[in-house]
Amino acid sequence: MMYRYVITLGELKRLQKSESVVLVDVRKKEIYNAGHIPGAISIPYSEEQGFLDSFQKTGTIILCCDRGNLSMRATMRMRKAGYPAYSLAGGYEGYRRFQK
């Protein structure tokens, strides 16, 4: 079930207060540089194995993109490889809507 690994912005904020969470923006660098969620680090998603090598299998990894589609693909790939990954529902666009 795909939705098991999706969290909301509210859940992300709660997790950030209580445990070690890494927020990763998987969009291309130039898109990340144009605007991103504060605290997010940029690790662009690609089909290359090197993407997975950027992470440790400890802590909680939250992936975000524009709306959640790319981060969901990356989350499922990471989950299959044994990483504790989740996709942020609504992505950066969802975050921007909450900031208005």
PDB file of N, CA and C in Angstrom:
ATOM      1  N   MET A   1       0.841  -1.190   0.000  1.00  0.00           N
ATOM      2  CA  MET A   1       0.000   0.000   0.000  1.00  0.00           C
ATOM      3  C   MET A   1       0.882   1.247   0.000  1.00  0.00           C
ATOM      4  N   MET A   2       0.776   2.030  -1.015  1.00  0.00           N
ATOM      5  CA  MET A   2       1.639   3.172  -1.225  1.00  0.00           C
ATOM      6  C   MET A   2       1.466   4.259  -0.165  1.00  0.00           C
ATOM      7  N   TYR A   3       0.249   4.535   0.279  1.00  0.00           N
ATOM      8  CA  TYR A   3      -0.019   5.662   1.162  1.00  0.00           C
ATOM      9  C   TYR A   3       0.511   5.464   2.578  1.00  0.00           C
ATOM     10  N   ARG A   4       0.926   4.293   2.907  1.00  0.00           N
ATOM     11  CA  ARG A   4       1.481   4.014   4.221  1.00  0.00           C
ATOM     12  C   ARG A   4       2.755   4.828   4.459  1.00  0.00           C
ATOM     13  N   TYR A   5       3.440   5.209   3.411  1.00  0.00           N
ATOM     14  CA  TYR A   5       4.716   5.912   3.525  1.00  0.00           C
ATOM     15  C   TYR A   5       4.617   7.391   3.154  1.00  0.00           C
ATOM     16  N   VAL A   6       3.427   7.968   3.315  1.00  0.00           N
ATOM     17  CA  VAL A   6       3.203   9.382   3.049  1.00  0.00           C
ATOM     18  C   VAL A   6       2.880  10.065   4.371  1.00  0.00           C
ATOM     19  N   ILE A   7       3.526  11.212   4.612  1.00  0.00           N
ATOM     20  CA  ILE A   7       3.204  11.967   5.823  1.00  0.00           C
ATOM     21  C   ILE A   7       2.760  13.374   5.438  1.00  0.00           C
ATOM     22  N   THR A   8       2.012  14.005   6.316  1.00  0.00           N
ATOM     23  CA  THR A   8       1.535  15.362   6.079  1.00  0.00           C
ATOM     24  C   THR A   8       2.548  16.368   6.619  1.00  0.00           C
ATOM     25  N   LEU A   9       2.363  17.616   6.259  1.00  0.00           N
ATOM     26  CA  LEU A   9       3.231  18.680   6.753  1.00  0.00           C
ATOM     27  C   LEU A   9       3.139  18.780   8.276  1.00  0.00           C
ATOM     28  N   GLY A  10       1.943  18.618   8.824  1.00  0.00           N
ATOM     29  CA  GLY A  10       1.773  18.636  10.277  1.00  0.00           C
ATOM     30  C   GLY A  10       2.540  17.512  10.955  1.00  0.00           C
ATOM     31  N   GLU A  11       2.492  16.318  10.356  1.00  0.00           N
ATOM     32  CA  GLU A  11       3.252  15.192  10.908  1.00  0.00           C
ATOM     33  C   GLU A  11       4.747  15.454  10.829  1.00  0.00           C
ATOM     34  N   LEU A  12       5.198  16.063   9.736  1.00  0.00           N
ATOM     35  CA  LEU A  12       6.610  16.401   9.592  1.00  0.00           C
ATOM     36  C   LEU A  12       7.047  17.342  10.720  1.00  0.00           C
ATOM     37  N   LYS A  13       6.261  18.369  10.971  1.00  0.00           N
ATOM     38  CA  LYS A  13       6.612  19.340  12.021  1.00  0.00           C
ATOM     39  C   LYS A  13       6.675  18.671  13.389  1.00  0.00           C
ATOM     40  N   ARG A  14       5.754  17.759  13.671  1.00  0.00           N
ATOM     41  CA  ARG A  14       5.779  17.032  14.952  1.00  0.00           C
ATOM     42  C   ARG A  14       7.024  16.143  15.045  1.00  0.00           C
ATOM     43  N   LEU A  15       7.330  15.437  13.964  1.00  0.00           N
ATOM     44  CA  LEU A  15       8.510  14.570  13.955  1.00  0.00           C
ATOM     45  C   LEU A  15       9.795  15.373  14.153  1.00  0.00           C
ATOM     46  N   GLN A  16       9.884  16.544  13.538  1.00  0.00           N
ATOM     47  CA  GLN A  16      11.089  17.363  13.655  1.00  0.00           C
ATOM     48  C   GLN A  16      11.336  17.798  15.099  1.00  0.00           C
ATOM     49  N   LYS A  17      10.281  17.926  15.880  1.00  0.00           N
ATOM     50  CA  LYS A  17      10.425  18.334  17.286  1.00  0.00           C
ATOM     51  C   LYS A  17      10.844  17.173  18.182  1.00  0.00           C
ATOM     52  N   SER A  18      10.504  15.946  17.781  1.00  0.00           N
ATOM     53  CA  SER A  18      10.680  14.827  18.700  1.00  0.00           C
ATOM     54  C   SER A  18      11.774  13.830  18.329  1.00  0.00           C
ATOM     55  N   GLU A  19      12.246  13.855  17.104  1.00  0.00           N
ATOM     56  CA  GLU A  19      13.248  12.860  16.727  1.00  0.00           C
ATOM     57  C   GLU A  19      14.141  13.365  15.603  1.00  0.00           C
ATOM     58  N   SER A  20      15.130  12.572  15.293  1.00  0.00           N
ATOM     59  CA  SER A  20      16.066  12.916  14.233  1.00  0.00           C
ATOM     60  C   SER A  20      15.427  12.665  12.870  1.00  0.00           C
ATOM     61  N   VAL A  21      15.200  13.747  12.141  1.00  0.00           N
ATOM     62  CA  VAL A  21      14.564  13.668  10.833  1.00  0.00           C
ATOM     63  C   VAL A  21      15.440  14.402   9.826  1.00  0.00           C
ATOM     64  N   VAL A  22      15.616  13.794   8.669  1.00  0.00           N
ATOM     65  CA  VAL A  22      16.327  14.447   7.576  1.00  0.00           C
ATOM     66  C   VAL A  22      15.297  14.732   6.491  1.00  0.00           C
ATOM     67  N   LEU A  23      15.137  16.010   6.146  1.00  0.00           N
ATOM     68  CA  LEU A  23      14.216  16.414   5.086  1.00  0.00           C
ATOM     69  C   LEU A  23      15.038  16.609   3.816  1.00  0.00           C
ATOM     70  N   VAL A  24      14.708  15.849   2.779  1.00  0.00           N
ATOM     71  CA  VAL A  24      15.485  15.849   1.544  1.00  0.00           C
ATOM     72  C   VAL A  24      14.600  16.274   0.374  1.00  0.00           C
ATOM     73  N   ASP A  25      15.036  17.305  -0.323  1.00  0.00           N
ATOM     74  CA  ASP A  25      14.355  17.771  -1.533  1.00  0.00           C
ATOM     75  C   ASP A  25      14.985  17.028  -2.707  1.00  0.00           C
ATOM     76  N   VAL A  26      14.176  16.248  -3.428  1.00  0.00           N
ATOM     77  CA  VAL A  26      14.705  15.402  -4.500  1.00  0.00           C
ATOM     78  C   VAL A  26      14.593  16.044  -5.890  1.00  0.00           C
ATOM     79  N   ARG A  27      14.176  17.308  -5.929  1.00  0.00           N
ATOM     80  CA  ARG A  27      14.070  18.000  -7.216  1.00  0.00           C
ATOM     81  C   ARG A  27      15.460  18.394  -7.726  1.00  0.00           C
ATOM     82  N   LYS A  28      15.544  18.785  -8.987  1.00  0.00           N
ATOM     83  CA  LYS A  28      16.812  19.238  -9.559  1.00  0.00           C
ATOM     84  C   LYS A  28      17.333  20.439  -8.773  1.00  0.00           C
ATOM     85  N   LYS A  29      18.662  20.578  -8.727  1.00  0.00           N
ATOM     86  CA  LYS A  29      19.313  21.646  -7.948  1.00  0.00           C
ATOM     87  C   LYS A  29      18.770  23.032  -8.273  1.00  0.00           C
ATOM     88  N   GLU A  30      18.591  23.338  -9.560  1.00  0.00           N
ATOM     89  CA  GLU A  30      18.146  24.683  -9.927  1.00  0.00           C
ATOM     90  C   GLU A  30      16.725  24.961  -9.430  1.00  0.00           C
ATOM     91  N   ILE A  31      15.886  23.947  -9.378  1.00  0.00           N
ATOM     92  CA  ILE A  31      14.530  24.120  -8.852  1.00  0.00           C
ATOM     93  C   ILE A  31      14.593  24.300  -7.335  1.00  0.00           C
ATOM     94  N   TYR A  32      15.395  23.490  -6.672  1.00  0.00           N
ATOM     95  CA  TYR A  32      15.613  23.623  -5.222  1.00  0.00           C
ATOM     96  C   TYR A  32      16.110  25.033  -4.898  1.00  0.00           C
ATOM     97  N   ASN A  33      17.084  25.525  -5.664  1.00  0.00           N
ATOM     98  CA  ASN A  33      17.655  26.847  -5.413  1.00  0.00           C
ATOM     99  C   ASN A  33      16.641  27.969  -5.588  1.00  0.00           C
ATOM    100  N   ALA A  34      15.621  27.750  -6.425  1.00  0.00           N
ATOM    101  CA  ALA A  34      14.584  28.758  -6.644  1.00  0.00           C
ATOM    102  C   ALA A  34      13.616  28.846  -5.470  1.00  0.00           C
ATOM    103  N   GLY A  35      13.591  27.839  -4.614  1.00  0.00           N
ATOM    104  CA  GLY A  35      12.719  27.840  -3.443  1.00  0.00           C
ATOM    105  C   GLY A  35      12.560  26.447  -2.885  1.00  0.00           C
ATOM    106  N   HIS A  36      12.650  26.319  -1.556  1.00  0.00           N
ATOM    107  CA  HIS A  36      12.525  25.011  -0.905  1.00  0.00           C
ATOM    108  C   HIS A  36      12.058  25.194   0.533  1.00  0.00           C
ATOM    109  N   ILE A  37      11.669  24.111   1.156  1.00  0.00           N
ATOM    110  CA  ILE A  37      11.236  24.133   2.550  1.00  0.00           C
ATOM    111  C   ILE A  37      12.467  24.383   3.424  1.00  0.00           C
ATOM    112  N   PRO A  38      12.390  25.327   4.354  1.00  0.00           N
ATOM    113  CA  PRO A  38      13.539  25.583   5.231  1.00  0.00           C
ATOM    114  C   PRO A  38      13.999  24.306   5.934  1.00  0.00           C
ATOM    115  N   GLY A  39      15.295  24.101   5.944  1.00  0.00           N
ATOM    116  CA  GLY A  39      15.868  22.923   6.584  1.00  0.00           C
ATOM    117  C   GLY A  39      16.053  21.737   5.659  1.00  0.00           C
ATOM    118  N   ALA A  40      15.467  21.814   4.458  1.00  0.00           N
ATOM    119  CA  ALA A  40      15.605  20.711   3.494  1.00  0.00           C
ATOM    120  C   ALA A  40      16.982  20.761   2.848  1.00  0.00           C
ATOM    121  N   ILE A  41      17.563  19.581   2.664  1.00  0.00           N
ATOM    122  CA  ILE A  41      18.815  19.498   1.929  1.00  0.00           C
ATOM    123  C   ILE A  41      18.511  19.002   0.516  1.00  0.00           C
ATOM    124  N   SER A  42      19.354  19.337  -0.417  1.00  0.00           N
ATOM    125  CA  SER A  42      19.133  18.961  -1.810  1.00  0.00           C
ATOM    126  C   SER A  42      19.943  17.729  -2.178  1.00  0.00           C
ATOM    127  N   ILE A  43      19.226  16.653  -2.527  1.00  0.00           N
ATOM    128  CA  ILE A  43      19.840  15.466  -3.112  1.00  0.00           C
ATOM    129  C   ILE A  43      18.932  15.065  -4.274  1.00  0.00           C
ATOM    130  N   PRO A  44      19.245  15.548  -5.477  1.00  0.00           N
ATOM    131  CA  PRO A  44      18.373  15.266  -6.626  1.00  0.00           C
ATOM    132  C   PRO A  44      18.204  13.766  -6.865  1.00  0.00           C
ATOM    133  N   TYR A  45      16.960  13.388  -7.139  1.00  0.00           N
ATOM    134  CA  TYR A  45      16.660  11.986  -7.407  1.00  0.00           C
ATOM    135  C   TYR A  45      17.072  11.638  -8.831  1.00  0.00           C
ATOM    136  N   SER A  46      17.658  10.489  -8.965  1.00  0.00           N
ATOM    137  CA  SER A  46      17.973   9.969 -10.290  1.00  0.00           C
ATOM    138  C   SER A  46      17.852   8.457 -10.230  1.00  0.00           C
ATOM    139  N   GLU A  47      17.867   7.856 -11.356  1.00  0.00           N
ATOM    140  CA  GLU A  47      17.769   6.405 -11.402  1.00  0.00           C
ATOM    141  C   GLU A  47      19.105   5.738 -11.089  1.00  0.00           C
ATOM    142  N   GLU A  48      20.131   6.531 -10.903  1.00  0.00           N
ATOM    143  CA  GLU A  48      21.452   5.980 -10.638  1.00  0.00           C
ATOM    144  C   GLU A  48      21.543   5.441  -9.215  1.00  0.00           C
ATOM    145  N   GLN A  49      22.354   4.433  -9.020  1.00  0.00           N
ATOM    146  CA  GLN A  49      22.557   3.840  -7.699  1.00  0.00           C
ATOM    147  C   GLN A  49      23.105   4.864  -6.715  1.00  0.00           C
ATOM    148  N   GLY A  50      23.861   5.832  -7.189  1.00  0.00           N
ATOM    149  CA  GLY A  50      24.472   6.833  -6.330  1.00  0.00           C
ATOM    150  C   GLY A  50      23.484   7.579  -5.452  1.00  0.00           C
ATOM    151  N   PHE A  51      22.227   7.696  -5.876  1.00  0.00           N
ATOM    152  CA  PHE A  51      21.212   8.378  -5.064  1.00  0.00           C
ATOM    153  C   PHE A  51      21.085   7.702  -3.705  1.00  0.00           C
ATOM    154  N   LEU A  52      20.982   6.383  -3.694  1.00  0.00           N
ATOM    155  CA  LEU A  52      20.823   5.652  -2.438  1.00  0.00           C
ATOM    156  C   LEU A  52      22.072   5.739  -1.565  1.00  0.00           C
ATOM    157  N   ASP A  53      23.228   5.846  -2.171  1.00  0.00           N
ATOM    158  CA  ASP A  53      24.478   5.920  -1.410  1.00  0.00           C
ATOM    159  C   ASP A  53      24.597   7.202  -0.604  1.00  0.00           C
ATOM    160  N   SER A  54      23.733   8.177  -0.854  1.00  0.00           N
ATOM    161  CA  SER A  54      23.769   9.448  -0.131  1.00  0.00           C
ATOM    162  C   SER A  54      23.157   9.341   1.263  1.00  0.00           C
ATOM    163  N   PHE A  55      22.564   8.217   1.600  1.00  0.00           N
ATOM    164  CA  PHE A  55      21.804   8.082   2.838  1.00  0.00           C
ATOM    165  C   PHE A  55      22.329   6.978   3.750  1.00  0.00           C
ATOM    166  N   GLN A  56      21.992   7.116   5.037  1.00  0.00           N
ATOM    167  CA  GLN A  56      22.215   6.046   6.003  1.00  0.00           C
ATOM    168  C   GLN A  56      20.869   5.399   6.279  1.00  0.00           C
ATOM    169  N   LYS A  57      20.884   4.175   6.775  1.00  0.00           N
ATOM    170  CA  LYS A  57      19.625   3.468   7.028  1.00  0.00           C
ATOM    171  C   LYS A  57      19.141   3.670   8.462  1.00  0.00           C
ATOM    172  N   THR A  58      19.517   4.785   9.075  1.00  0.00           N
ATOM    173  CA  THR A  58      19.060   5.097  10.430  1.00  0.00           C
ATOM    174  C   THR A  58      18.359   6.442  10.412  1.00  0.00           C
ATOM    175  N   GLY A  59      17.564   6.706  11.436  1.00  0.00           N
ATOM    176  CA  GLY A  59      16.810   7.953  11.484  1.00  0.00           C
ATOM    177  C   GLY A  59      15.650   7.893  10.514  1.00  0.00           C
ATOM    178  N   THR A  60      14.925   8.981  10.403  1.00  0.00           N
ATOM    179  CA  THR A  60      13.773   9.063   9.516  1.00  0.00           C
ATOM    180  C   THR A  60      14.105   9.988   8.363  1.00  0.00           C
ATOM    181  N   ILE A  61      13.866   9.537   7.155  1.00  0.00           N
ATOM    182  CA  ILE A  61      14.140  10.316   5.956  1.00  0.00           C
ATOM    183  C   ILE A  61      12.808  10.719   5.345  1.00  0.00           C
ATOM    184  N   ILE A  62      12.600  12.029   5.202  1.00  0.00           N
ATOM    185  CA  ILE A  62      11.391  12.548   4.570  1.00  0.00           C
ATOM    186  C   ILE A  62      11.808  13.151   3.241  1.00  0.00           C
ATOM    187  N   LEU A  63      11.209  12.671   2.155  1.00  0.00           N
ATOM    188  CA  LEU A  63      11.523  13.159   0.823  1.00  0.00           C
ATOM    189  C   LEU A  63      10.422  14.088   0.333  1.00  0.00           C
ATOM    190  N   CYS A  64      10.816  15.167  -0.338  1.00  0.00           N
ATOM    191  CA  CYS A  64       9.816  16.066  -0.910  1.00  0.00           C
ATOM    192  C   CYS A  64      10.230  16.481  -2.312  1.00  0.00           C
ATOM    193  N   CYS A  65       9.235  16.847  -3.103  1.00  0.00           N
ATOM    194  CA  CYS A  65       9.455  17.345  -4.456  1.00  0.00           C
ATOM    195  C   CYS A  65       8.443  18.469  -4.671  1.00  0.00           C
ATOM    196  N   ASP A  66       7.959  18.696  -5.886  1.00  0.00           N
ATOM    197  CA  ASP A  66       6.978  19.760  -6.117  1.00  0.00           C
ATOM    198  C   ASP A  66       5.620  19.446  -5.493  1.00  0.00           C
ATOM    199  N   ARG A  67       5.083  18.272  -5.817  1.00  0.00           N
ATOM    200  CA  ARG A  67       3.734  17.922  -5.348  1.00  0.00           C
ATOM    201  C   ARG A  67       3.636  16.548  -4.695  1.00  0.00           C
ATOM    202  N   GLY A  68       4.676  15.744  -4.781  1.00  0.00           N
ATOM    203  CA  GLY A  68       4.665  14.442  -4.133  1.00  0.00           C
ATOM    204  C   GLY A  68       4.852  13.246  -5.040  1.00  0.00           C
ATOM    205  N   ASN A  69       4.788  13.436  -6.356  1.00  0.00           N
ATOM    206  CA  ASN A  69       4.904  12.289  -7.268  1.00  0.00           C
ATOM    207  C   ASN A  69       6.327  11.742  -7.332  1.00  0.00           C
ATOM    208  N   LEU A  70       7.296  12.599  -7.565  1.00  0.00           N
ATOM    209  CA  LEU A  70       8.694  12.166  -7.650  1.00  0.00           C
ATOM    210  C   LEU A  70       9.182  11.632  -6.304  1.00  0.00           C
ATOM    211  N   SER A  71       8.810  12.307  -5.229  1.00  0.00           N
ATOM    212  CA  SER A  71       9.254  11.850  -3.907  1.00  0.00           C
ATOM    213  C   SER A  71       8.622  10.510  -3.550  1.00  0.00           C
ATOM    214  N   MET A  72       7.422  10.227  -4.050  1.00  0.00           N
ATOM    215  CA  MET A  72       6.798   8.923  -3.788  1.00  0.00           C
ATOM    216  C   MET A  72       7.561   7.822  -4.505  1.00  0.00           C
ATOM    217  N   ARG A  73       7.969   8.076  -5.751  1.00  0.00           N
ATOM    218  CA  ARG A  73       8.777   7.086  -6.484  1.00  0.00           C
ATOM    219  C   ARG A  73      10.096   6.823  -5.758  1.00  0.00           C
ATOM    220  N   ALA A  74      10.738   7.906  -5.329  1.00  0.00           N
ATOM    221  CA  ALA A  74      12.014   7.770  -4.615  1.00  0.00           C
ATOM    222  C   ALA A  74      11.810   7.038  -3.292  1.00  0.00           C
ATOM    223  N   THR A  75      10.712   7.332  -2.597  1.00  0.00           N
ATOM    224  CA  THR A  75      10.407   6.670  -1.320  1.00  0.00           C
ATOM    225  C   THR A  75      10.240   5.171  -1.521  1.00  0.00           C
ATOM    226  N   MET A  76       9.497   4.773  -2.523  1.00  0.00           N
ATOM    227  CA  MET A  76       9.273   3.346  -2.759  1.00  0.00           C
ATOM    228  C   MET A  76      10.590   2.648  -3.109  1.00  0.00           C
ATOM    229  N   ARG A  77      11.427   3.300  -3.882  1.00  0.00           N
ATOM    230  CA  ARG A  77      12.736   2.729  -4.217  1.00  0.00           C
ATOM    231  C   ARG A  77      13.586   2.567  -2.957  1.00  0.00           C
ATOM    232  N   MET A  78      13.577   3.592  -2.111  1.00  0.00           N
ATOM    233  CA  MET A  78      14.364   3.532  -0.880  1.00  0.00           C
ATOM    234  C   MET A  78      13.825   2.467   0.070  1.00  0.00           C
ATOM    235  N   ARG A  79      12.506   2.371   0.175  1.00  0.00           N
ATOM    236  CA  ARG A  79      11.889   1.365   1.052  1.00  0.00           C
ATOM    237  C   ARG A  79      12.292  -0.044   0.616  1.00  0.00           C
ATOM    238  N   LYS A  80      12.279  -0.289  -0.683  1.00  0.00           N
ATOM    239  CA  LYS A  80      12.673  -1.610  -1.184  1.00  0.00           C
ATOM    240  C   LYS A  80      14.120  -1.934  -0.840  1.00  0.00           C
ATOM    241  N   ALA A  81      14.948  -0.887  -0.701  1.00  0.00           N
ATOM    242  CA  ALA A  81      16.362  -1.077  -0.366  1.00  0.00           C
ATOM    243  C   ALA A  81      16.607  -1.048   1.148  1.00  0.00           C
ATOM    244  N   GLY A  82      15.528  -0.914   1.949  1.00  0.00           N
ATOM    245  CA  GLY A  82      15.663  -0.983   3.399  1.00  0.00           C
ATOM    246  C   GLY A  82      15.834   0.335   4.136  1.00  0.00           C
ATOM    247  N   TYR A  83      15.572   1.461   3.481  1.00  0.00           N
ATOM    248  CA  TYR A  83      15.706   2.767   4.125  1.00  0.00           C
ATOM    249  C   TYR A  83      14.391   3.199   4.777  1.00  0.00           C
ATOM    250  N   PRO A  84      14.455   3.903   5.928  1.00  0.00           N
ATOM    251  CA  PRO A  84      13.251   4.381   6.612  1.00  0.00           C
ATOM    252  C   PRO A  84      12.759   5.694   5.988  1.00  0.00           C
ATOM    253  N   ALA A  85      12.229   5.628   4.780  1.00  0.00           N
ATOM    254  CA  ALA A  85      11.868   6.820   4.018  1.00  0.00           C
ATOM    255  C   ALA A  85      10.355   7.020   3.944  1.00  0.00           C
ATOM    256  N   TYR A  86       9.968   8.307   3.853  1.00  0.00           N
ATOM    257  CA  TYR A  86       8.572   8.709   3.707  1.00  0.00           C
ATOM    258  C   TYR A  86       8.503   9.840   2.692  1.00  0.00           C
ATOM    259  N   SER A  87       7.363   9.990   2.053  1.00  0.00           N
ATOM    260  CA  SER A  87       7.136  11.070   1.096  1.00  0.00           C
ATOM    261  C   SER A  87       6.245  12.130   1.751  1.00  0.00           C
ATOM    262  N   LEU A  88       6.577  13.394   1.539  1.00  0.00           N
ATOM    263  CA  LEU A  88       5.781  14.491   2.089  1.00  0.00           C
ATOM    264  C   LEU A  88       4.603  14.775   1.171  1.00  0.00           C
ATOM    265  N   ALA A  89       3.399  14.606   1.678  1.00  0.00           N
ATOM    266  CA  ALA A  89       2.182  14.848   0.902  1.00  0.00           C
ATOM    267  C   ALA A  89       2.136  16.307   0.451  1.00  0.00           C
ATOM    268  N   GLY A  90       1.874  16.536  -0.828  1.00  0.00           N
ATOM    269  CA  GLY A  90       1.752  17.894  -1.362  1.00  0.00           C
ATOM    270  C   GLY A  90       3.063  18.558  -1.699  1.00  0.00           C
ATOM    271  N   GLY A  91       4.175  18.019  -1.196  1.00  0.00           N
ATOM    272  CA  GLY A  91       5.501  18.540  -1.511  1.00  0.00           C
ATOM    273  C   GLY A  91       5.680  20.012  -1.220  1.00  0.00           C
ATOM    274  N   TYR A  92       6.564  20.649  -1.969  1.00  0.00           N
ATOM    275  CA  TYR A  92       6.874  22.060  -1.763  1.00  0.00           C
ATOM    276  C   TYR A  92       5.653  22.933  -2.039  1.00  0.00           C
ATOM    277  N   GLU A  93       4.857  22.588  -3.041  1.00  0.00           N
ATOM    278  CA  GLU A  93       3.663  23.385  -3.341  1.00  0.00           C
ATOM    279  C   GLU A  93       2.668  23.360  -2.171  1.00  0.00           C
ATOM    280  N   GLY A  94       2.518  22.206  -1.536  1.00  0.00           N
ATOM    281  CA  GLY A  94       1.661  22.111  -0.354  1.00  0.00           C
ATOM    282  C   GLY A  94       2.189  22.971   0.780  1.00  0.00           C
ATOM    283  N   TYR A  95       3.496  22.961   0.971  1.00  0.00           N
ATOM    284  CA  TYR A  95       4.127  23.799   1.986  1.00  0.00           C
ATOM    285  C   TYR A  95       3.855  25.274   1.699  1.00  0.00           C
ATOM    286  N   ARG A  96       4.035  25.687   0.450  1.00  0.00           N
ATOM    287  CA  ARG A  96       3.808  27.096   0.087  1.00  0.00           C
ATOM    288  C   ARG A  96       2.369  27.517   0.350  1.00  0.00           C
ATOM    289  N   ARG A  97       1.414  26.657   0.074  1.00  0.00           N
ATOM    290  CA  ARG A  97       0.000  26.984   0.333  1.00  0.00           C
ATOM    291  C   ARG A  97      -0.239  27.222   1.808  1.00  0.00           C
ATOM    292  N   PHE A  98       0.416  26.443   2.690  1.00  0.00           N
ATOM    293  CA  PHE A  98       0.231  26.610   4.125  1.00  0.00           C
ATOM    294  C   PHE A  98       0.876  27.892   4.648  1.00  0.00           C
ATOM    295  N   GLN A  99       1.825  28.452   3.910  1.00  0.00           N
ATOM    296  CA  GLN A  99       2.538  29.642   4.355  1.00  0.00           C
ATOM    297  C   GLN A  99       1.785  30.932   4.033  1.00  0.00           C
ATOM    298  N   LYS A 100       0.743  30.828   3.228  1.00  0.00           N
ATOM    299  CA  LYS A 100      -0.013  32.034   2.821  1.00  0.00           C
ATOM    300  C   LYS A 100      -1.053  32.409   3.831  1.00  0.00           C
TER     301      LYS A 100
END
